[in-house]
PDB file of N, CA and C in Angstrom:
ATOM      1  N   MET A   1    -211.268   4.320 104.948  1.00  0.00           N
ATOM      2  CA  MET A   1    -211.227   5.172 103.883  1.00  0.00           C
ATOM      3  C   MET A   1    -212.587   4.964 102.975  1.00  0.00           C
ATOM      4  N   ASP A   2    -213.348   6.011 102.643  1.00  0.00           N
ATOM      5  CA  ASP A   2    -214.565   5.931 101.900  1.00  0.00           C
ATOM      6  C   ASP A   2    -214.392   5.917 100.513  1.00  0.00           C
ATOM      7  N   GLY A   3    -215.154   5.794  99.633  1.00  0.00           N
ATOM      8  CA  GLY A   3    -214.961   5.806  98.049  1.00  0.00           C
ATOM      9  C   GLY A   3    -214.532   7.028  97.589  1.00  0.00           C
ATOM     10  N   GLN A   4    -215.052   8.016  98.017  1.00  0.00           N
ATOM     11  CA  GLN A   4    -214.631   9.335  97.541  1.00  0.00           C
ATOM     12  C   GLN A   4    -213.280   9.595  97.785  1.00  0.00           C
ATOM     13  N   GLU A   5    -212.807   9.387  99.010  1.00  0.00           N
ATOM     14  CA  GLU A   5    -211.375   9.472  99.382  1.00  0.00           C
ATOM     15  C   GLU A   5    -210.485   8.745  98.828  1.00  0.00           C
ATOM     16  N   LEU A   6    -210.867   7.340  98.493  1.00  0.00           N
ATOM     17  CA  LEU A   6    -210.172   6.453  97.799  1.00  0.00           C
ATOM     18  C   LEU A   6    -209.897   6.802  96.277  1.00  0.00           C
ATOM     19  N   GLN A   7    -210.995   7.437  95.417  1.00  0.00           N
ATOM     20  CA  GLN A   7    -210.723   7.940  94.223  1.00  0.00           C
ATOM     21  C   GLN A   7    -209.779   9.311  94.414  1.00  0.00           C
ATOM     22  N   LYS A   8    -209.951  10.120  95.346  1.00  0.00           N
ATOM     23  CA  LYS A   8    -209.090  11.155  95.577  1.00  0.00           C
ATOM     24  C   LYS A   8    -207.683  10.728  95.507  1.00  0.00           C
ATOM     25  N   VAL A   9    -207.303  10.037  96.463  1.00  0.00           N
ATOM     26  CA  VAL A   9    -206.138   9.397  96.814  1.00  0.00           C
ATOM     27  C   VAL A   9    -205.533   9.003  95.163  1.00  0.00           C
ATOM     28  N   ALA A  10    -206.263   7.984  94.723  1.00  0.00           N
ATOM     29  CA  ALA A  10    -205.771   7.274  93.568  1.00  0.00           C
ATOM     30  C   ALA A  10    -205.480   8.295  92.341  1.00  0.00           C
ATOM     31  N   ASN A  11    -206.480   9.430  92.287  1.00  0.00           N
ATOM     32  CA  ASN A  11    -206.223  10.287  91.233  1.00  0.00           C
ATOM     33  C   ASN A  11    -204.879  11.071  91.596  1.00  0.00           C
ATOM     34  N   GLU A  12    -204.793  11.654  92.751  1.00  0.00           N
ATOM     35  CA  GLU A  12    -203.616  12.273  92.853  1.00  0.00           C
ATOM     36  C   GLU A  12    -202.239  11.717  92.669  1.00  0.00           C
ATOM     37  N   TYR A  13    -202.341  10.187  93.150  1.00  0.00           N
ATOM     38  CA  TYR A  13    -201.010   9.601  92.901  1.00  0.00           C
ATOM     39  C   TYR A  13    -200.811   9.319  91.363  1.00  0.00           C
ATOM     40  N   ALA A  14    -201.817   8.891  90.831  1.00  0.00           N
ATOM     41  CA  ALA A  14    -201.794   8.500  89.303  1.00  0.00           C
ATOM     42  C   ALA A  14    -201.290   9.697  88.416  1.00  0.00           C
ATOM     43  N   THR A  15    -201.834  10.950  88.774  1.00  0.00           N
ATOM     44  CA  THR A  15    -201.518  11.946  87.742  1.00  0.00           C
ATOM     45  C   THR A  15    -200.147  12.585  88.113  1.00  0.00           C
ATOM     46  N   GLU A  16    -199.581  12.000  89.209  1.00  0.00           N
ATOM     47  CA  GLU A  16    -198.138  12.385  89.415  1.00  0.00           C
ATOM     48  C   GLU A  16    -196.782  11.487  88.659  1.00  0.00           C
ATOM     49  N   LEU A  17    -197.532  10.343  88.248  1.00  0.00           N
ATOM     50  CA  LEU A  17    -196.577   9.410  87.761  1.00  0.00           C
ATOM     51  C   LEU A  17    -196.207   9.985  86.227  1.00  0.00           C
ATOM     52  N   PRO A  18    -195.104   9.643  85.835  1.00  0.00           N
ATOM     53  CA  PRO A  18    -194.577  10.233  84.522  1.00  0.00           C
ATOM     54  C   PRO A  18    -195.392   9.788  83.249  1.00  0.00           C
ATOM     55  N   ASP A  19    -195.517  10.548  82.369  1.00  0.00           N
ATOM     56  CA  ASP A  19    -196.238  10.398  80.951  1.00  0.00           C
ATOM     57  C   ASP A  19    -197.738   9.586  81.343  1.00  0.00           C
ATOM     58  N   VAL A  20    -198.440   9.957  82.222  1.00  0.00           N
ATOM     59  CA  VAL A  20    -199.715   9.725  82.443  1.00  0.00           C
ATOM     60  C   VAL A  20    -200.786  10.531  81.749  1.00  0.00           C
ATOM     61  N   THR A  21    -201.497  10.164  81.000  1.00  0.00           N
ATOM     62  CA  THR A  21    -202.676  11.043  80.424  1.00  0.00           C
ATOM     63  C   THR A  21    -203.997  10.632  81.093  1.00  0.00           C
ATOM     64  N   PHE A  22    -204.858  11.625  80.955  1.00  0.00           N
ATOM     65  CA  PHE A  22    -206.134  11.516  81.577  1.00  0.00           C
ATOM     66  C   PHE A  22    -207.118  11.923  80.613  1.00  0.00           C
ATOM     67  N   GLU A  23    -208.384  10.955  80.647  1.00  0.00           N
ATOM     68  CA  GLU A  23    -209.314  11.155  79.767  1.00  0.00           C
ATOM     69  C   GLU A  23    -210.628  11.073  80.532  1.00  0.00           C
ATOM     70  N   HIS A  24    -211.584  11.947  80.495  1.00  0.00           N
ATOM     71  CA  HIS A  24    -213.084  11.739  80.989  1.00  0.00           C
ATOM     72  C   HIS A  24    -213.916  11.537  80.084  1.00  0.00           C
ATOM     73  N   ARG A  25    -214.709  10.370  80.260  1.00  0.00           N
ATOM     74  CA  ARG A  25    -215.804  10.068  79.229  1.00  0.00           C
ATOM     75  C   ARG A  25    -217.134  10.110  79.870  1.00  0.00           C
ATOM     76  N   VAL A  26    -218.109  10.489  79.245  1.00  0.00           N
ATOM     77  CA  VAL A  26    -219.397  10.851  79.818  1.00  0.00           C
ATOM     78  C   VAL A  26    -220.430   9.758  79.127  1.00  0.00           C
ATOM     79  N   GLY A  27    -221.344   9.468  79.700  1.00  0.00           N
ATOM     80  CA  GLY A  27    -222.476   8.650  79.281  1.00  0.00           C
ATOM     81  C   GLY A  27    -222.026   7.061  78.888  1.00  0.00           C
ATOM     82  N   PRO A  28    -221.528   6.485  79.864  1.00  0.00           N
ATOM     83  CA  PRO A  28    -221.417   6.426  81.209  1.00  0.00           C
ATOM     84  C   PRO A  28    -220.284   7.281  81.755  1.00  0.00           C
ATOM     85  N   ASN A  29    -220.296   7.713  82.924  1.00  0.00           N
ATOM     86  CA  ASN A  29    -219.285   8.542  83.455  1.00  0.00           C
ATOM     87  C   ASN A  29    -218.085   7.604  84.054  1.00  0.00           C
ATOM     88  N   TRP A  30    -216.899   7.945  83.128  1.00  0.00           N
ATOM     89  CA  TRP A  30    -215.641   7.208  83.417  1.00  0.00           C
ATOM     90  C   TRP A  30    -214.616   8.027  83.345  1.00  0.00           C
ATOM     91  N   GLU A  31    -213.699   7.782  84.076  1.00  0.00           N
ATOM     92  CA  GLU A  31    -212.401   8.396  84.069  1.00  0.00           C
ATOM     93  C   GLU A  31    -211.502   7.592  83.704  1.00  0.00           C
ATOM     94  N   LEU A  32    -210.558   7.697  82.963  1.00  0.00           N
ATOM     95  CA  LEU A  32    -209.273   6.753  82.319  1.00  0.00           C
ATOM     96  C   LEU A  32    -207.909   7.263  82.464  1.00  0.00           C
ATOM     97  N   TYR A  33    -207.103   6.619  82.925  1.00  0.00           N
ATOM     98  CA  TYR A  33    -205.689   6.974  83.344  1.00  0.00           C
ATOM     99  C   TYR A  33    -205.080   6.027  82.440  1.00  0.00           C
ATOM    100  N   LYS A  34    -204.051   6.703  81.468  1.00  0.00           N
ATOM    101  CA  LYS A  34    -203.197   5.753  80.566  1.00  0.00           C
ATOM    102  C   LYS A  34    -201.757   6.116  80.567  1.00  0.00           C
ATOM    103  N   VAL A  35    -200.883   5.158  80.242  1.00  0.00           N
ATOM    104  CA  VAL A  35    -199.365   5.472  80.048  1.00  0.00           C
ATOM    105  C   VAL A  35    -199.124   4.980  78.637  1.00  0.00           C
ATOM    106  N   GLY A  36    -198.640   5.768  77.764  1.00  0.00           N
ATOM    107  CA  GLY A  36    -198.210   5.006  76.413  1.00  0.00           C
ATOM    108  C   GLY A  36    -199.630   4.543  75.590  1.00  0.00           C
ATOM    109  N   GLY A  37    -200.700   5.264  75.863  1.00  0.00           N
ATOM    110  CA  GLY A  37    -201.960   4.740  75.235  1.00  0.00           C
ATOM    111  C   GLY A  37    -202.849   3.482  75.902  1.00  0.00           C
ATOM    112  N   LYS A  38    -202.173   3.061  76.959  1.00  0.00           N
ATOM    113  CA  LYS A  38    -202.788   1.819  77.498  1.00  0.00           C
ATOM    114  C   LYS A  38    -203.164   2.297  78.825  1.00  0.00           C
ATOM    115  N   VAL A  39    -204.584   1.686  78.971  1.00  0.00           N
ATOM    116  CA  VAL A  39    -205.410   2.031  80.296  1.00  0.00           C
ATOM    117  C   VAL A  39    -204.618   1.274  81.526  1.00  0.00           C
ATOM    118  N   PHE A  40    -204.439   1.942  82.808  1.00  0.00           N
ATOM    119  CA  PHE A  40    -203.923   1.272  83.715  1.00  0.00           C
ATOM    120  C   PHE A  40    -205.126   1.415  85.067  1.00  0.00           C
ATOM    121  N   MET A  41    -205.838   2.366  84.903  1.00  0.00           N
ATOM    122  CA  MET A  41    -206.634   2.756  86.128  1.00  0.00           C
ATOM    123  C   MET A  41    -207.794   3.375  85.330  1.00  0.00           C
ATOM    124  N   LEU A  42    -209.037   2.983  85.876  1.00  0.00           N
ATOM    125  CA  LEU A  42    -210.203   3.741  85.710  1.00  0.00           C
ATOM    126  C   LEU A  42    -211.074   3.905  86.996  1.00  0.00           C
ATOM    127  N   MET A  43    -211.900   4.932  86.944  1.00  0.00           N
ATOM    128  CA  MET A  43    -212.487   5.383  88.231  1.00  0.00           C
ATOM    129  C   MET A  43    -214.018   5.659  87.679  1.00  0.00           C
ATOM    130  N   THR A  44    -215.002   5.376  88.478  1.00  0.00           N
ATOM    131  CA  THR A  44    -216.336   5.499  87.878  1.00  0.00           C
ATOM    132  C   THR A  44    -217.106   5.227  89.258  1.00  0.00           C
ATOM    133  N   ASP A  45    -218.515   5.496  89.251  1.00  0.00           N
ATOM    134  CA  ASP A  45    -219.471   5.454  90.564  1.00  0.00           C
ATOM    135  C   ASP A  45    -220.339   4.023  89.952  1.00  0.00           C
ATOM    136  N   MET A  46    -220.309   3.185  90.866  1.00  0.00           N
ATOM    137  CA  MET A  46    -221.123   1.942  90.688  1.00  0.00           C
ATOM    138  C   MET A  46    -222.282   2.422  91.490  1.00  0.00           C
ATOM    139  N   PRO A  47    -223.703   1.740  91.285  1.00  0.00           N
ATOM    140  CA  PRO A  47    -224.805   2.260  92.130  1.00  0.00           C
ATOM    141  C   PRO A  47    -224.546   2.429  93.458  1.00  0.00           C
ATOM    142  N   GLY A  48    -224.412   3.596  93.843  1.00  0.00           N
ATOM    143  CA  GLY A  48    -224.409   3.835  95.383  1.00  0.00           C
ATOM    144  C   GLY A  48    -222.737   4.028  95.979  1.00  0.00           C
ATOM    145  N   HIS A  49    -221.830   3.888  95.049  1.00  0.00           N
ATOM    146  CA  HIS A  49    -220.588   4.140  95.672  1.00  0.00           C
ATOM    147  C   HIS A  49    -219.519   4.218  94.611  1.00  0.00           C
ATOM    148  N   PRO A  50    -218.469   5.117  94.793  1.00  0.00           N
ATOM    149  CA  PRO A  50    -217.313   5.277  93.825  1.00  0.00           C
ATOM    150  C   PRO A  50    -216.395   4.218  93.912  1.00  0.00           C
ATOM    151  N   VAL A  51    -215.789   3.791  92.674  1.00  0.00           N
ATOM    152  CA  VAL A  51    -214.734   2.770  92.918  1.00  0.00           C
ATOM    153  C   VAL A  51    -213.652   3.017  91.893  1.00  0.00           C
ATOM    154  N   VAL A  52    -212.695   2.253  92.142  1.00  0.00           N
ATOM    155  CA  VAL A  52    -211.311   2.525  91.386  1.00  0.00           C
ATOM    156  C   VAL A  52    -210.994   1.229  90.812  1.00  0.00           C
ATOM    157  N   ILE A  53    -210.613   1.041  89.413  1.00  0.00           N
ATOM    158  CA  ILE A  53    -210.549  -0.087  88.746  1.00  0.00           C
ATOM    159  C   ILE A  53    -209.109  -0.026  88.263  1.00  0.00           C
ATOM    160  N   LEU A  54    -208.318  -1.206  88.723  1.00  0.00           N
ATOM    161  CA  LEU A  54    -206.749  -1.101  88.510  1.00  0.00           C
ATOM    162  C   LEU A  54    -206.389  -2.453  87.622  1.00  0.00           C
ATOM    163  N   LYS A  55    -205.349  -2.071  86.918  1.00  0.00           N
ATOM    164  CA  LYS A  55    -204.682  -3.205  86.032  1.00  0.00           C
ATOM    165  C   LYS A  55    -203.801  -3.830  87.369  1.00  0.00           C
ATOM    166  N   ALA A  56    -203.751  -5.194  87.409  1.00  0.00           N
ATOM    167  CA  ALA A  56    -202.860  -5.686  88.530  1.00  0.00           C
ATOM    168  C   ALA A  56    -202.250  -7.008  87.977  1.00  0.00           C
ATOM    169  N   ASP A  57    -200.965  -7.393  88.419  1.00  0.00           N
ATOM    170  CA  ASP A  57    -200.521  -8.600  88.228  1.00  0.00           C
ATOM    171  C   ASP A  57    -201.295  -9.744  88.695  1.00  0.00           C
ATOM    172  N   PRO A  58    -201.575 -10.681  87.962  1.00  0.00           N
ATOM    173  CA  PRO A  58    -202.671 -11.692  88.282  1.00  0.00           C
ATOM    174  C   PRO A  58    -202.345 -12.395  89.699  1.00  0.00           C
ATOM    175  N   ASP A  59    -201.147 -12.660  89.891  1.00  0.00           N
ATOM    176  CA  ASP A  59    -200.849 -13.406  91.185  1.00  0.00           C
ATOM    177  C   ASP A  59    -200.952 -12.274  92.316  1.00  0.00           C
ATOM    178  N   GLU A  60    -200.850 -11.228  92.176  1.00  0.00           N
ATOM    179  CA  GLU A  60    -200.806  -9.927  93.187  1.00  0.00           C
ATOM    180  C   GLU A  60    -202.531  -9.777  93.272  1.00  0.00           C
ATOM    181  N   ALA A  61    -203.051  -9.927  92.274  1.00  0.00           N
ATOM    182  CA  ALA A  61    -204.664  -9.589  92.270  1.00  0.00           C
ATOM    183  C   ALA A  61    -205.499 -10.670  93.110  1.00  0.00           C
ATOM    184  N   VAL A  62    -204.804 -11.849  93.180  1.00  0.00           N
ATOM    185  CA  VAL A  62    -205.547 -12.998  93.859  1.00  0.00           C
ATOM    186  C   VAL A  62    -205.450 -12.781  95.170  1.00  0.00           C
ATOM    187  N   GLY A  63    -204.040 -12.400  95.676  1.00  0.00           N
ATOM    188  CA  GLY A  63    -203.743 -12.155  97.091  1.00  0.00           C
ATOM    189  C   GLY A  63    -204.503 -10.947  97.657  1.00  0.00           C
ATOM    190  N   LEU A  64    -204.594  -9.728  96.857  1.00  0.00           N
ATOM    191  CA  LEU A  64    -205.311  -8.777  97.292  1.00  0.00           C
ATOM    192  C   LEU A  64    -206.818  -9.108  97.579  1.00  0.00           C
ATOM    193  N   ARG A  65    -207.369  -9.726  96.679  1.00  0.00           N
ATOM    194  CA  ARG A  65    -209.038 -10.075  96.606  1.00  0.00           C
ATOM    195  C   ARG A  65    -209.089 -10.993  98.104  1.00  0.00           C
ATOM    196  N   GLU A  66    -208.299 -11.873  98.206  1.00  0.00           N
ATOM    197  CA  GLU A  66    -208.137 -12.788  99.424  1.00  0.00           C
ATOM    198  C   GLU A  66    -207.991 -11.860 100.735  1.00  0.00           C
ATOM    199  N   GLN A  67    -207.273 -10.871 100.799  1.00  0.00           N
ATOM    200  CA  GLN A  67    -206.869 -10.015 101.977  1.00  0.00           C
ATOM    201  C   GLN A  67    -207.928  -8.961 102.120  1.00  0.00           C
ATOM    202  N   TYR A  68    -208.390  -8.410 101.258  1.00  0.00           N
ATOM    203  CA  TYR A  68    -209.367  -7.326 101.488  1.00  0.00           C
ATOM    204  C   TYR A  68    -210.583  -7.485 100.817  1.00  0.00           C
ATOM    205  N   ALA A  69    -211.656  -7.507 101.670  1.00  0.00           N
ATOM    206  CA  ALA A  69    -213.059  -7.444 101.373  1.00  0.00           C
ATOM    207  C   ALA A  69    -213.511  -6.544 100.420  1.00  0.00           C
ATOM    208  N   GLU A  70    -212.820  -5.364 100.470  1.00  0.00           N
ATOM    209  CA  GLU A  70    -213.112  -4.223  99.639  1.00  0.00           C
ATOM    210  C   GLU A  70    -212.603  -4.272  98.090  1.00  0.00           C
ATOM    211  N   ILE A  71    -211.686  -5.351  97.890  1.00  0.00           N
ATOM    212  CA  ILE A  71    -211.074  -5.633  96.415  1.00  0.00           C
ATOM    213  C   ILE A  71    -211.733  -6.883  96.052  1.00  0.00           C
ATOM    214  N   THR A  72    -212.445  -6.694  94.720  1.00  0.00           N
ATOM    215  CA  THR A  72    -212.954  -7.628  94.136  1.00  0.00           C
ATOM    216  C   THR A  72    -212.277  -7.726  92.624  1.00  0.00           C
ATOM    217  N   THR A  73    -212.886  -8.720  91.837  1.00  0.00           N
ATOM    218  CA  THR A  73    -212.643  -8.726  90.319  1.00  0.00           C
ATOM    219  C   THR A  73    -212.617  -7.485  89.778  1.00  0.00           C
ATOM    220  N   GLY A  74    -212.333  -7.192  88.708  1.00  0.00           N
ATOM    221  CA  GLY A  74    -212.462  -5.976  87.773  1.00  0.00           C
ATOM    222  C   GLY A  74    -213.888  -5.808  87.122  1.00  0.00           C
ATOM    223  N   TYR A  75    -214.445  -4.779  87.450  1.00  0.00           N
ATOM    224  CA  TYR A  75    -215.927  -4.371  87.127  1.00  0.00           C
ATOM    225  C   TYR A  75    -215.735  -4.169  85.563  1.00  0.00           C
ATOM    226  N   HIS A  76    -216.271  -4.841  84.655  1.00  0.00           N
ATOM    227  CA  HIS A  76    -216.417  -4.866  83.189  1.00  0.00           C
ATOM    228  C   HIS A  76    -215.073  -5.014  82.652  1.00  0.00           C
ATOM    229  N   MET A  77    -214.293  -5.866  83.434  1.00  0.00           N
ATOM    230  CA  MET A  77    -212.818  -5.776  82.742  1.00  0.00           C
ATOM    231  C   MET A  77    -212.571  -7.318  82.898  1.00  0.00           C
ATOM    232  N   ASP A  78    -211.257  -7.765  82.282  1.00  0.00           N
ATOM    233  CA  ASP A  78    -210.864  -9.036  82.394  1.00  0.00           C
ATOM    234  C   ASP A  78    -210.614  -9.459  83.853  1.00  0.00           C
ATOM    235  N   LYS A  79    -211.121 -10.425  84.424  1.00  0.00           N
ATOM    236  CA  LYS A  79    -211.188 -10.892  85.919  1.00  0.00           C
ATOM    237  C   LYS A  79    -209.843 -11.412  86.345  1.00  0.00           C
ATOM    238  N   LYS A  80    -208.968 -11.734  85.352  1.00  0.00           N
ATOM    239  CA  LYS A  80    -207.830 -12.052  85.869  1.00  0.00           C
ATOM    240  C   LYS A  80    -206.812 -10.815  86.115  1.00  0.00           C
ATOM    241  N   HIS A  81    -206.745  -9.898  85.252  1.00  0.00           N
ATOM    242  CA  HIS A  81    -205.926  -8.897  85.340  1.00  0.00           C
ATOM    243  C   HIS A  81    -206.291  -7.491  85.742  1.00  0.00           C
ATOM    244  N   TRP A  82    -207.558  -7.504  86.244  1.00  0.00           N
ATOM    245  CA  TRP A  82    -208.138  -6.371  86.717  1.00  0.00           C
ATOM    246  C   TRP A  82    -208.758  -6.613  88.168  1.00  0.00           C
ATOM    247  N   ILE A  83    -208.720  -5.396  89.180  1.00  0.00           N
ATOM    248  CA  ILE A  83    -209.296  -5.593  90.193  1.00  0.00           C
ATOM    249  C   ILE A  83    -210.174  -4.209  90.465  1.00  0.00           C
ATOM    250  N   THR A  84    -211.127  -4.283  91.155  1.00  0.00           N
ATOM    251  CA  THR A  84    -211.934  -3.108  91.578  1.00  0.00           C
ATOM    252  C   THR A  84    -211.707  -3.024  93.155  1.00  0.00           C
ATOM    253  N   ALA A  85    -211.363  -1.716  93.563  1.00  0.00           N
ATOM    254  CA  ALA A  85    -211.564  -1.359  94.879  1.00  0.00           C
ATOM    255  C   ALA A  85    -212.426  -0.342  95.244  1.00  0.00           C
ATOM    256  N   ALA A  86    -213.322  -0.488  96.295  1.00  0.00           N
ATOM    257  CA  ALA A  86    -214.386   0.181  96.760  1.00  0.00           C
ATOM    258  C   ALA A  86    -213.871   0.602  98.310  1.00  0.00           C
ATOM    259  N   GLY A  87    -214.389   1.809  98.763  1.00  0.00           N
ATOM    260  CA  GLY A  87    -214.196   2.249  99.750  1.00  0.00           C
ATOM    261  C   GLY A  87    -214.438   1.166 100.988  1.00  0.00           C
ATOM    262  N   GLY A  88    -213.689   1.093 102.093  1.00  0.00           N
ATOM    263  CA  GLY A  88    -213.925   0.450 103.258  1.00  0.00           C
ATOM    264  C   GLY A  88    -212.934   0.520 104.284  1.00  0.00           C
ATOM    265  N   PRO A  89    -212.957   0.086 105.589  1.00  0.00           N
ATOM    266  CA  PRO A  89    -212.325   0.113 106.694  1.00  0.00           C
ATOM    267  C   PRO A  89    -210.742  -0.454 106.520  1.00  0.00           C
ATOM    268  N   SER A  90    -210.633  -1.353 105.740  1.00  0.00           N
ATOM    269  CA  SER A  90    -209.202  -1.854 105.465  1.00  0.00           C
ATOM    270  C   SER A  90    -208.451  -1.316 104.474  1.00  0.00           C
ATOM    271  N   LEU A  91    -208.796  -0.318 103.656  1.00  0.00           N
ATOM    272  CA  LEU A  91    -208.108   0.220 102.759  1.00  0.00           C
ATOM    273  C   LEU A  91    -207.531   1.522 103.407  1.00  0.00           C
ATOM    274  N   ASP A  92    -206.208   1.974 102.946  1.00  0.00           N
ATOM    275  CA  ASP A  92    -205.511   3.046 103.468  1.00  0.00           C
ATOM    276  C   ASP A  92    -204.830   3.715 102.289  1.00  0.00           C
ATOM    277  N   GLU A  93    -204.373   4.884 102.430  1.00  0.00           N
ATOM    278  CA  GLU A  93    -203.708   5.520 101.543  1.00  0.00           C
ATOM    279  C   GLU A  93    -202.371   4.860 101.070  1.00  0.00           C
ATOM    280  N   ASN A  94    -201.673   4.270 102.091  1.00  0.00           N
ATOM    281  CA  ASN A  94    -200.586   3.504 101.464  1.00  0.00           C
ATOM    282  C   ASN A  94    -200.789   2.231 100.685  1.00  0.00           C
ATOM    283  N   LEU A  95    -201.785   1.600 100.793  1.00  0.00           N
ATOM    284  CA  LEU A  95    -202.328   0.466  99.987  1.00  0.00           C
ATOM    285  C   LEU A  95    -202.773   1.145  98.747  1.00  0.00           C
ATOM    286  N   VAL A  96    -203.507   2.059  98.677  1.00  0.00           N
ATOM    287  CA  VAL A  96    -203.897   2.745  97.388  1.00  0.00           C
ATOM    288  C   VAL A  96    -202.888   3.081  96.636  1.00  0.00           C
ATOM    289  N   LYS A  97    -201.643   3.737  97.192  1.00  0.00           N
ATOM    290  CA  LYS A  97    -200.523   4.046  96.383  1.00  0.00           C
ATOM    291  C   LYS A  97    -199.781   2.809  95.956  1.00  0.00           C
TER     292      LYS A  97
END
């Protein structure tokens, strides 16, 4: 799954969740997804590739980073509670959801 498909799947799934609000910010280009005023997902384009940044349980975040090369610590976020997913061969729609 490439980065654009990753963002498309993440957006479609997140916007179907109950009580989700969406905010687009420019300069820099960020898309924020919130529930109850708290951000749980962001999307942006890092130099050369689109990414999805997700809030994650710290223990699950460690496991995901160890298992998938495309998942790293949260870009510009707390490294314990956030992960960044970039497009790559081991990511699929079920994992993103």
